[in-house]
């Protein structure tokens, strides 16, 4: 798998340091409250696990699975909810935890959908934001890193369900995208 890596964008150490900072920021902002962190499956699973370990105070976790990619590397713009929340979010402080903000279409859909459920607040914590890629103007309250508009894998991000388990974020060698897509 490592033989397909072109360059490391973010090392494990850099990611973990920023996640600890984000955990402290979120903890301070939600002091005295019990936020519900909504992890967007599957890409955010590693990020949310590390984030909650970096947080102080009571919190709850739930998950949603949404899709706008299928088995391609570009968003189709059509969003489907594959797994909905198990908890009622009415009058709750909701923090959506997302691995990457790309076009913003999926996240925009998710925010609109969750607002109809009458939470007290909705904020976003995104590990990665692709520079200049957004089709919908969204600014996460909490942001890990801004990265170039390149396809990246690792730390939960995948290509055809591979590379999620890398502890760092990287680009793939030229030609790997074409050979690994169905």
Protein backbone atom coordinates (compact mmCIF):
# COMPACT_ATOMS: atom_id res chain seq x y z
CA UNK A 1 0.00 0.00 0.00
CA UNK A 2 2.77 2.46 0.92
CA UNK A 3 4.28 1.86 -2.52
CA UNK A 4 1.35 3.78 -4.02
CA UNK A 5 1.95 6.90 -1.90
CA UNK A 6 3.35 9.89 -3.74
CA UNK A 7 3.82 12.44 -0.96
CA UNK A 8 2.80 12.92 2.63
CA UNK A 9 0.64 16.02 3.08
CA UNK A 10 0.24 15.79 6.88
CA UNK A 11 2.27 13.58 9.21
CA UNK A 12 0.74 11.66 12.08
CA UNK A 13 2.47 13.98 14.57
CA UNK A 14 1.13 17.14 12.93
CA UNK A 15 -2.40 15.68 12.77
CA UNK A 16 -2.38 14.57 16.41
CA UNK A 17 -1.09 17.94 17.63
CA UNK A 18 -3.85 19.79 15.77
CA UNK A 19 -6.53 17.34 16.97
CA UNK A 20 -5.45 18.01 20.57
CA UNK A 21 -5.77 21.76 19.92
CA UNK A 22 -9.21 21.28 18.38
CA UNK A 23 -10.28 19.14 21.35
CA UNK A 24 -9.28 21.93 23.73
CA UNK A 25 -11.12 24.58 21.65
CA UNK A 26 -14.30 22.51 21.44
CA UNK A 27 -14.15 21.67 25.16
CA UNK A 28 -13.83 25.34 26.09
CA UNK A 29 -16.68 26.40 23.80
CA UNK A 30 -19.03 23.71 25.10
CA UNK A 31 -18.08 24.00 28.78
CA UNK A 32 -21.12 23.36 30.94
CA UNK A 33 -23.01 21.73 28.07
CA UNK A 34 -23.15 18.21 26.69
CA UNK A 35 -22.66 18.40 22.92
CA UNK A 36 -23.70 15.63 20.57
CA UNK A 37 -20.87 14.96 18.15
CA UNK A 38 -22.19 13.58 14.88
CA UNK A 39 -19.52 11.70 12.99
CA UNK A 40 -19.96 11.46 9.25
CA UNK A 41 -19.16 7.87 8.33
CA UNK A 42 -16.90 6.39 7.30
CA UNK A 43 -14.15 8.91 6.72
CA UNK A 44 -14.46 10.76 10.03
CA UNK A 45 -14.23 7.68 12.26
CA UNK A 46 -10.52 8.08 13.12
CA UNK A 47 -10.83 11.84 13.52
CA UNK A 48 -13.84 11.68 15.85
CA UNK A 49 -12.21 8.94 17.94
CA UNK A 50 -9.10 11.07 18.48
CA UNK A 51 -11.11 14.27 18.92
CA UNK A 52 -13.30 12.94 21.73
CA UNK A 53 -10.23 11.60 23.54
CA UNK A 54 -8.81 15.14 23.39
CA UNK A 55 -11.97 16.66 24.87
CA UNK A 56 -12.94 17.33 28.48
CA UNK A 57 -16.46 17.26 29.83
CA UNK A 58 -19.57 15.29 29.01
CA UNK A 59 -20.42 14.55 25.41
CA UNK A 60 -22.33 12.07 23.31
CA UNK A 61 -21.54 10.55 19.93
CA UNK A 62 -23.81 9.48 17.10
CA UNK A 63 -23.17 8.75 13.45
CA UNK A 64 -24.64 9.41 10.05
CA UNK A 65 -23.59 7.89 6.76
CA UNK A 66 -24.13 9.97 3.66
CA UNK A 67 -22.92 9.46 0.14
CA UNK A 68 -22.31 11.71 -2.81
CA UNK A 69 -19.31 9.93 -4.29
CA UNK A 70 -20.19 6.30 -4.97
CA UNK A 71 -16.98 4.66 -6.20
CA UNK A 72 -15.52 7.73 -7.88
CA UNK A 73 -13.14 10.46 -6.73
CA UNK A 74 -15.50 13.36 -7.52
CA UNK A 75 -18.75 14.26 -5.79
CA UNK A 76 -21.85 13.59 -7.87
CA UNK A 77 -23.74 16.35 -6.07
CA UNK A 78 -26.58 13.91 -5.30
CA UNK A 79 -26.61 13.22 -1.56
CA UNK A 80 -28.16 10.13 -0.02
CA UNK A 81 -28.52 9.34 3.69
CA UNK A 82 -27.39 5.76 4.14
CA UNK A 83 -27.57 5.72 7.97
CA UNK A 84 -29.47 8.27 10.02
CA UNK A 85 -28.99 9.36 13.62
CA UNK A 86 -30.17 7.11 16.42
CA UNK A 87 -30.84 10.05 18.76
CA UNK A 88 -33.31 12.91 18.75
CA UNK A 89 -31.39 16.19 18.38
CA UNK A 90 -34.21 18.58 19.33
CA UNK A 91 -32.77 21.29 21.63
CA UNK A 92 -29.31 19.68 21.50
CA UNK A 93 -25.97 21.29 20.70
CA UNK A 94 -24.82 19.39 17.63
CA UNK A 95 -21.25 19.33 16.34
CA UNK A 96 -20.88 17.68 12.95
CA UNK A 97 -17.45 16.05 12.71
CA UNK A 98 -16.33 15.70 9.10
CA UNK A 99 -13.13 14.36 7.62
CA UNK A 100 -12.93 16.67 4.62
CA UNK A 101 -14.79 19.66 3.25
CA UNK A 102 -14.54 19.39 -0.51
CA UNK A 103 -17.32 20.94 -2.62
CA UNK A 104 -19.49 21.54 0.45
CA UNK A 105 -22.55 20.03 -1.23
CA UNK A 106 -22.80 17.04 1.10
CA UNK A 107 -22.17 19.06 4.24
CA UNK A 108 -24.64 21.76 3.16
CA UNK A 109 -27.31 19.09 2.62
CA UNK A 110 -26.55 17.54 5.99
CA UNK A 111 -26.76 20.87 7.85
CA UNK A 112 -30.09 21.72 6.20
CA UNK A 113 -31.44 18.27 7.02
CA UNK A 114 -30.39 18.48 10.67
CA UNK A 115 -31.76 22.01 11.11
CA UNK A 116 -35.25 20.70 10.34
CA UNK A 117 -34.91 18.61 13.51
CA UNK A 118 -34.71 21.75 15.69
CA UNK A 119 -31.36 21.46 17.45
CA UNK A 120 -30.32 24.31 19.77
CA UNK A 121 -27.16 24.78 17.69
CA UNK A 122 -25.25 23.21 14.82
CA UNK A 123 -21.54 23.72 14.23
CA UNK A 124 -18.99 21.92 12.07
CA UNK A 125 -15.55 20.57 12.86
CA UNK A 126 -13.70 19.55 9.68
CA UNK A 127 -10.24 18.06 9.75
CA UNK A 128 -9.44 19.09 6.18
CA UNK A 129 -10.72 21.87 3.94
CA UNK A 130 -9.77 21.82 0.27
CA UNK A 131 -8.55 25.24 -0.76
CA UNK A 132 -10.79 26.95 -3.32
CA UNK A 133 -12.90 23.84 -3.99
CA UNK A 134 -16.22 24.80 -2.34
CA UNK A 135 -19.27 25.16 -4.56
CA UNK A 136 -21.28 26.08 -1.46
CA UNK A 137 -19.89 28.69 0.89
CA UNK A 138 -19.31 26.98 4.23
CA UNK A 139 -16.86 27.90 6.96
CA UNK A 140 -16.44 25.30 9.69
CA UNK A 141 -16.23 26.79 13.17
CA UNK A 142 -13.40 24.34 13.85
CA UNK A 143 -10.93 23.51 11.10
CA UNK A 144 -7.84 21.35 11.19
CA UNK A 145 -5.97 22.11 8.00
CA UNK A 146 -6.43 23.76 4.63
CA UNK A 147 -5.00 21.56 1.88
CA UNK A 148 -4.53 21.94 -1.87
CA UNK A 149 -7.18 20.61 -4.26
CA UNK A 150 -5.66 17.16 -4.58
CA UNK A 151 -7.15 13.73 -3.96
CA UNK A 152 -5.87 12.55 -0.57
CA UNK A 153 -6.03 9.33 1.41
CA UNK A 154 -5.19 8.25 4.94
CA UNK A 155 -6.44 8.97 8.46
CA UNK A 156 -9.91 7.75 7.49
CA UNK A 157 -9.92 8.98 3.88
CA UNK A 158 -10.02 6.28 1.26
CA UNK A 159 -9.86 5.28 -2.35
CA UNK A 160 -12.25 2.41 -2.98
CA UNK A 161 -12.16 1.57 0.77
CA UNK A 162 -8.34 1.35 0.84
CA UNK A 163 -5.79 3.52 2.70
CA UNK A 164 -8.14 4.53 5.55
CA UNK A 165 -5.81 2.97 8.10
CA UNK A 166 -2.80 5.14 7.27
CA UNK A 167 -1.88 7.34 10.24
CA UNK A 168 -1.02 10.25 7.93
CA UNK A 169 -2.64 12.06 4.98
CA UNK A 170 -1.03 11.64 1.58
CA UNK A 171 -1.49 11.83 -2.17
CA UNK A 172 -1.22 8.82 -4.43
CA UNK A 173 1.23 8.29 -7.26
CA UNK A 174 0.10 9.27 -10.73
CA UNK A 175 -1.92 6.49 -12.33
CA UNK A 176 -2.99 4.82 -9.05
CA UNK A 177 -6.41 6.50 -9.15
CA UNK A 178 -7.18 4.99 -12.56
CA UNK A 179 -5.94 1.50 -11.71
CA UNK A 180 -7.77 1.25 -8.36
CA UNK A 181 -11.20 2.52 -9.38
CA UNK A 182 -13.73 -0.12 -10.44
